[in-house]
Protein backbone atom coordinates (compact mmCIF):
# COMPACT_ATOMS: atom_id res chain seq x y z
CA MET A 1 0.00 0.00 0.00
CA ALA A 2 1.42 3.37 -1.03
CA THR A 3 2.23 5.83 1.71
CA ILE A 4 0.26 9.07 1.66
CA THR A 5 2.65 12.02 1.60
CA SER A 6 2.18 15.76 1.17
CA ALA A 7 3.68 15.46 -2.31
CA ASN A 8 1.29 12.85 -3.68
CA LEU A 9 -1.63 14.50 -1.87
CA ALA A 10 -0.84 17.78 -3.61
CA GLN A 11 -0.62 15.99 -6.96
CA ALA A 12 -3.99 14.36 -6.28
CA ILE A 13 -5.55 17.76 -5.55
CA VAL A 14 -4.35 19.09 -8.92
CA LYS A 15 -5.74 16.00 -10.68
CA VAL A 16 -9.14 16.50 -9.06
CA VAL A 17 -9.24 20.14 -10.16
CA ALA A 18 -8.03 19.24 -13.67
CA SER A 19 -10.67 16.53 -14.10
CA ASP A 20 -13.40 19.20 -13.86
CA ALA A 21 -11.67 21.72 -16.10
CA LEU A 22 -11.76 20.32 -19.64
CA PRO A 23 -15.40 19.12 -19.79
CA ALA A 24 -16.43 22.62 -18.73
CA LEU A 25 -14.26 24.13 -21.50
CA VAL A 26 -15.64 21.87 -24.25
CA GLY A 27 -19.19 22.41 -23.03
CA ASN A 28 -18.88 26.18 -23.43
CA LEU A 29 -17.32 26.20 -26.91
CA VAL A 30 -19.30 26.59 -30.13
CA MET A 31 -16.69 27.33 -32.82
CA GLY A 32 -13.98 25.35 -31.05
CA ASN A 33 -16.07 22.21 -31.39
CA LEU A 34 -16.81 22.74 -35.09
CA VAL A 35 -13.47 23.62 -36.68
CA ASN A 36 -10.53 21.41 -37.61
CA ARG A 37 -8.80 20.69 -34.29
CA GLN A 38 -5.21 19.59 -34.44
CA TYR A 39 -3.69 18.61 -31.09
CA GLU A 40 -0.48 16.80 -30.25
CA PRO A 41 0.85 16.34 -26.69
CA LEU A 42 4.18 17.92 -27.64
CA LEU A 43 5.87 20.75 -25.80
CA ALA A 44 5.95 24.00 -27.75
CA ASN A 45 7.06 27.59 -27.34
CA ALA A 46 5.40 30.90 -28.14
CA GLY A 47 5.89 31.80 -31.79
CA ASP A 48 6.31 28.20 -32.98
CA THR A 49 4.68 27.43 -36.33
CA VAL A 50 2.67 24.27 -36.93
CA ASN A 51 2.26 23.09 -40.52
CA VAL A 52 -1.20 21.65 -41.19
CA PRO A 53 -1.32 19.70 -44.50
CA ILE A 54 -4.00 20.45 -47.09
CA PRO A 55 -4.88 17.77 -49.72
CA PRO A 56 -3.65 18.63 -53.24
CA THR A 57 -5.85 19.17 -56.29
CA MET A 58 -5.74 16.32 -58.82
CA ALA A 59 -6.97 16.16 -62.44
CA ALA A 60 -8.63 13.26 -64.26
CA ASN A 61 -7.15 12.12 -67.56
CA ASN A 62 -9.11 10.43 -70.36
CA ILE A 63 -6.64 7.79 -71.48
CA ALA A 64 -7.03 6.77 -75.13
CA GLU A 65 -6.60 3.18 -76.27
CA GLY A 66 -2.94 2.47 -76.49
CA GLY A 67 -2.11 5.68 -74.67
CA SER A 68 -0.29 6.17 -71.40
CA VAL A 69 -1.25 7.50 -68.01
CA ASN A 70 -0.72 11.14 -67.16
CA ALA A 71 1.57 10.97 -64.14
CA GLN A 72 0.94 13.94 -61.88
CA THR A 73 3.22 15.41 -59.26
CA PRO A 74 0.73 16.83 -56.80
CA SER A 75 1.89 19.49 -54.41
CA LEU A 76 0.61 19.03 -50.87
CA GLY A 77 -0.90 22.26 -49.61
CA ASN A 78 0.18 23.72 -46.31
CA ALA A 79 -1.38 26.08 -43.79
CA GLN A 80 0.98 27.60 -41.25
CA ILE A 81 -0.65 28.17 -37.87
CA VAL A 82 1.40 30.26 -35.45
CA LEU A 83 1.13 29.37 -31.76
CA ASN A 84 0.75 32.92 -30.50
CA THR A 85 -1.88 32.74 -27.74
CA HIS A 86 -1.29 31.70 -24.15
CA ALA A 87 -4.66 32.10 -22.43
CA GLU A 88 -4.79 31.79 -18.65
CA SER A 89 -7.25 32.24 -15.83
CA THR A 90 -6.07 32.26 -12.22
CA PHE A 91 -7.95 32.10 -8.94
CA ILE A 92 -7.10 31.76 -5.24
CA LEU A 93 -8.53 29.16 -2.86
CA PRO A 94 -8.00 30.17 0.78
CA ASP A 95 -9.13 26.71 1.99
CA VAL A 96 -8.54 24.13 -0.72
CA THR A 97 -9.54 21.18 1.47
CA LYS A 98 -12.96 22.71 2.12
CA ALA A 99 -13.48 23.24 -1.61
CA LEU A 100 -12.53 19.63 -2.34
CA ALA A 101 -14.91 18.36 0.34
CA VAL A 102 -17.79 20.25 -1.27
CA PRO A 103 -17.75 19.52 -5.05
CA ASP A 104 -20.31 22.23 -5.84
CA LEU A 105 -18.06 24.80 -4.17
CA LEU A 106 -15.07 23.71 -6.24
CA ARG A 107 -17.18 23.91 -9.39
CA THR A 108 -18.21 27.44 -8.40
CA TYR A 109 -14.55 28.46 -8.50
CA MET A 110 -13.66 26.38 -11.54
CA GLU A 111 -16.34 27.13 -14.10
CA PRO A 112 -15.84 30.93 -14.42
CA ALA A 113 -12.11 30.39 -14.98
CA VAL A 114 -12.67 27.77 -17.66
CA ILE A 115 -15.45 29.73 -19.35
CA SER A 116 -13.15 32.75 -19.66
CA ILE A 117 -10.69 30.62 -21.67
CA ALA A 118 -13.53 29.25 -23.81
CA GLU A 119 -14.63 32.82 -24.54
CA LYS A 120 -11.10 33.74 -25.58
CA ILE A 121 -10.84 30.79 -27.99
CA GLU A 122 -14.31 31.50 -29.39
CA THR A 123 -13.51 35.19 -29.97
CA ASP A 124 -10.17 34.42 -31.64
CA ILE A 125 -11.76 31.98 -34.10
CA LEU A 126 -14.65 34.28 -35.01
CA SER A 127 -12.20 37.16 -35.46
CA LEU A 128 -10.81 35.37 -38.53
CA TYR A 129 -13.79 36.53 -40.63
CA PRO A 130 -11.85 39.27 -42.56
CA GLN A 131 -9.56 36.58 -44.00
CA PHE A 132 -12.39 34.83 -45.83
CA THR A 133 -12.28 36.73 -49.09
CA PHE A 134 -12.54 33.98 -51.74
CA ASN A 135 -16.36 33.97 -51.72
CA THR A 136 -18.43 37.13 -52.09
CA ALA A 137 -19.93 38.20 -48.77
CA GLN A 138 -23.67 37.66 -48.53
CA GLY A 139 -26.20 40.18 -47.17
CA GLY A 140 -25.33 43.47 -45.53
CA ALA A 141 -26.17 45.58 -42.50
CA THR A 142 -29.87 44.69 -42.72
CA ALA A 143 -32.20 42.23 -41.02
CA PHE A 144 -31.38 38.58 -41.65
CA ASP A 145 -33.40 37.03 -44.49
CA GLU A 146 -33.68 33.77 -46.41
CA ALA A 147 -31.84 35.04 -49.49
CA ARG A 148 -28.49 35.40 -47.74
CA ILE A 149 -28.68 31.86 -46.35
CA ASP A 150 -29.42 30.57 -49.84
CA GLY A 151 -26.58 32.65 -51.29
CA ALA A 152 -24.08 31.35 -48.72
CA GLU A 153 -24.98 27.71 -49.41
CA THR A 154 -24.69 28.30 -53.17
CA ALA A 155 -21.29 29.96 -52.72
CA LEU A 156 -19.93 26.97 -50.78
CA PHE A 157 -21.36 24.56 -53.36
CA ASN A 158 -19.68 26.49 -56.19
CA ALA A 159 -16.43 26.46 -54.19
CA LYS A 160 -16.60 22.63 -54.33
CA VAL A 161 -17.05 22.03 -50.63
CA PRO A 162 -17.51 18.23 -50.42
CA ALA A 163 -21.16 17.27 -50.02
CA ALA A 164 -20.21 14.89 -47.21
CA GLN A 165 -18.87 17.73 -45.06
CA GLN A 166 -21.34 19.27 -42.65
CA LYS A 167 -21.97 22.97 -43.18
CA PHE A 168 -22.47 25.34 -40.26
CA LEU A 169 -23.87 28.84 -40.01
CA VAL A 170 -22.90 30.56 -36.75
CA VAL A 171 -24.78 33.80 -36.19
CA SER A 172 -25.30 36.46 -33.56
CA GLY A 173 -28.22 36.44 -31.14
CA THR A 174 -29.94 39.18 -33.15
CA ALA A 175 -29.58 37.31 -36.45
CA TYR A 176 -30.86 34.11 -34.83
CA SER A 177 -33.90 35.96 -33.53
CA GLU A 178 -34.57 37.43 -36.97
CA MET A 179 -34.39 33.95 -38.54
CA ARG A 180 -36.97 32.65 -36.08
CA GLN A 181 -39.35 35.34 -37.32
CA ILE A 182 -39.11 34.40 -41.00
CA GLU A 183 -42.53 32.92 -41.67
CA ARG A 184 -41.28 30.14 -43.94
CA PHE A 185 -39.07 28.85 -41.12
CA SER A 186 -41.36 29.22 -38.13
CA GLU A 187 -44.87 28.23 -39.20
CA TYR A 188 -46.29 24.70 -39.04
CA ARG A 189 -48.14 25.21 -42.31
CA MET A 190 -44.82 25.94 -44.00
CA ILE A 191 -42.41 23.30 -42.66
CA GLN A 192 -44.52 21.18 -40.33
CA ASP A 193 -42.85 20.06 -37.06
CA ALA A 194 -39.64 22.00 -37.74
CA GLY A 195 -41.67 25.19 -37.66
CA VAL A 196 -43.20 24.23 -34.32
CA ASP A 197 -39.72 23.61 -32.88
CA ALA A 198 -38.58 27.05 -34.00
CA LEU A 199 -41.70 28.72 -32.64
CA VAL A 200 -42.14 26.82 -29.36
CA ASN A 201 -38.61 25.73 -28.38
CA GLY A 202 -36.72 28.51 -30.15
CA ASN A 203 -34.50 26.11 -32.12
CA VAL A 204 -33.91 27.05 -35.75
CA GLY A 205 -32.20 23.69 -36.34
CA LYS A 206 -31.14 23.05 -39.94
CA LEU A 207 -31.91 25.24 -42.93
CA LYS A 208 -30.74 24.90 -46.54
CA ASP A 209 -28.12 22.30 -45.53
CA PHE A 210 -26.70 24.51 -42.74
CA ILE A 211 -26.75 23.54 -39.09
CA ILE A 212 -27.68 26.89 -37.51
CA LEU A 213 -25.99 27.85 -34.24
CA ARG A 214 -25.62 31.10 -32.36
CA SER A 215 -22.68 32.57 -30.50
CA GLN A 216 -22.39 35.65 -28.31
CA TYR A 217 -18.95 36.29 -29.80
CA VAL A 218 -19.83 36.78 -33.47
CA GLN A 219 -17.97 39.94 -34.40
CA LYS A 220 -19.69 43.30 -34.85
CA PRO A 221 -16.94 45.93 -35.16
CA SER A 222 -19.33 48.63 -36.39
CA SER A 223 -22.89 48.60 -37.73
CA THR A 224 -22.35 45.29 -39.57
CA THR A 225 -22.41 41.86 -37.91
CA TYR A 226 -20.11 39.28 -39.50
CA ASN A 227 -21.81 35.90 -39.17
CA LEU A 228 -19.92 32.98 -40.66
CA ALA A 229 -20.99 30.10 -42.91
CA PHE A 230 -18.32 27.42 -43.14
CA CYS A 231 -17.35 23.78 -43.04
CA ARG A 232 -14.85 22.12 -40.72
CA ASP A 233 -11.78 22.35 -42.95
CA SER A 234 -11.99 26.12 -43.38
CA ILE A 235 -10.44 26.88 -39.96
CA ALA A 236 -7.82 25.22 -37.78
CA LEU A 237 -7.44 25.36 -34.02
CA VAL A 238 -4.00 24.07 -33.04
CA MET A 239 -3.17 23.38 -29.39
CA ARG A 240 0.08 22.28 -27.79
CA ARG A 241 1.29 21.35 -24.31
CA LEU A 242 2.92 23.86 -22.02
CA PRO A 243 6.01 22.73 -20.09
CA GLN A 244 5.99 21.57 -16.48
CA PRO A 245 7.08 24.15 -13.86
CA LEU A 246 10.71 23.98 -12.80
CA PRO A 247 11.28 21.42 -10.01
CA GLY A 248 11.59 22.92 -6.54
CA THR A 249 9.65 26.09 -7.36
CA GLY A 250 6.65 25.03 -5.29
CA ALA A 251 4.31 24.58 -8.26
CA ILE A 252 2.62 21.35 -9.36
CA ALA A 253 1.07 20.92 -12.80
CA GLU A 254 -1.28 18.39 -14.33
CA TYR A 255 -2.22 18.03 -18.00
CA VAL A 256 -5.79 17.38 -19.02
CA GLU A 257 -6.51 16.32 -22.60
CA MET A 258 -9.70 15.20 -24.35
CA GLY A 259 -11.02 15.26 -27.89
CA ASN A 260 -8.17 17.33 -29.40
CA PHE A 261 -8.24 19.84 -26.57
CA GLY A 262 -5.41 20.26 -24.08
CA MET A 263 -4.99 22.38 -20.98
CA ARG A 264 -2.66 22.65 -18.03
CA VAL A 265 -3.66 23.14 -14.40
CA VAL A 266 -0.97 24.57 -12.08
CA MET A 267 -1.26 24.75 -8.29
CA SER A 268 1.19 26.87 -6.29
CA TYR A 269 1.36 28.21 -2.74
CA GLN A 270 1.17 31.97 -2.24
CA PRO A 271 2.89 32.88 1.06
CA GLY A 272 1.62 36.46 0.89
CA THR A 273 -1.99 35.32 1.14
CA LEU A 274 -1.44 31.93 2.83
CA ALA A 275 -3.58 30.37 0.10
CA GLN A 276 -3.33 28.03 -2.87
CA GLN A 277 -3.29 29.58 -6.31
CA PHE A 278 -4.69 27.69 -9.30
CA THR A 279 -3.91 28.66 -12.88
CA ILE A 280 -5.72 27.08 -15.82
CA ASP A 281 -4.06 27.81 -19.13
CA ALA A 282 -4.09 26.78 -22.77
CA PHE A 283 -1.55 27.37 -25.52
CA TYR A 284 -2.90 27.57 -29.05
CA GLY A 285 -3.10 29.26 -32.42
CA VAL A 286 -5.95 29.69 -34.91
CA GLY A 287 -5.83 30.27 -38.63
CA VAL A 288 -7.51 29.78 -42.01
CA LEU A 289 -7.05 26.41 -43.66
CA ARG A 290 -9.12 26.85 -46.82
CA ASN A 291 -10.25 30.35 -47.74
CA SER A 292 -12.82 29.02 -50.20
CA PHE A 293 -14.59 26.86 -47.61
CA ALA A 294 -16.21 29.75 -45.71
CA VAL A 295 -18.20 32.86 -46.51
CA GLN A 296 -19.15 35.96 -44.56
CA VAL A 297 -22.91 36.33 -44.02
CA GLN A 298 -23.48 39.91 -42.96
CA SER A 299 -26.46 41.30 -41.04
CA ASP A 300 -27.41 44.20 -38.80
């Protein structure tokens, strides 16, 4: 039987805190759960560049009888994602043992810290909208209507987005509300049970091959809101591990990783406050993978 020591007890405390951290992060992400997530448990430094491969374009050749094949030398595409964001949220627990004895109390401390990191990731991804220039932006600074949804789906079809890839339309709260008031989408006589769901439960659901979602972090830098229609391979979220604290510095770290997400939880003692400090942090970069696989859908 292993002997309980202050060292392994401290490590156990960090593991307990870490086990609650990542599910809360994933549960509060919209864009982070939809984009291409590339995670490897490798240590990395600020400014490092991660190369994400993009499949090459190939051409079909009509070979005549007695002819020869047309050997192609495809060039693998490459998107360079710079790891330039180290998001952290820190809080103090005056009595860590009391918090551990009451799980709801620990969750009260934990969730706001984790949600703040989720908000940072969400904002960074949605701030990529100016880089999607291949497709003509749909709509304008007016109320959301059916035509701009139709135009966005047509633009992605013409850009040869694979039919098997799910398409998403992430909009602001105002745009979502305006969609729910479009008669064709919210009346039983128009679309049967789907209309009832939009009217009674408030869920727009799926329209014109888009899964419709809303986010509080859709960008509105001026009078125009920049909603985004896209598929998974248009955007990459790349995360990497942060190093362990130096031995003997009084800090203990635990990694928590799930579903291509990775975070670090660090516990350290603060002699000035006689309390334990917890830092939850994530190291990542976001960037455009395929410019043609997304389109701005503007509204008021």
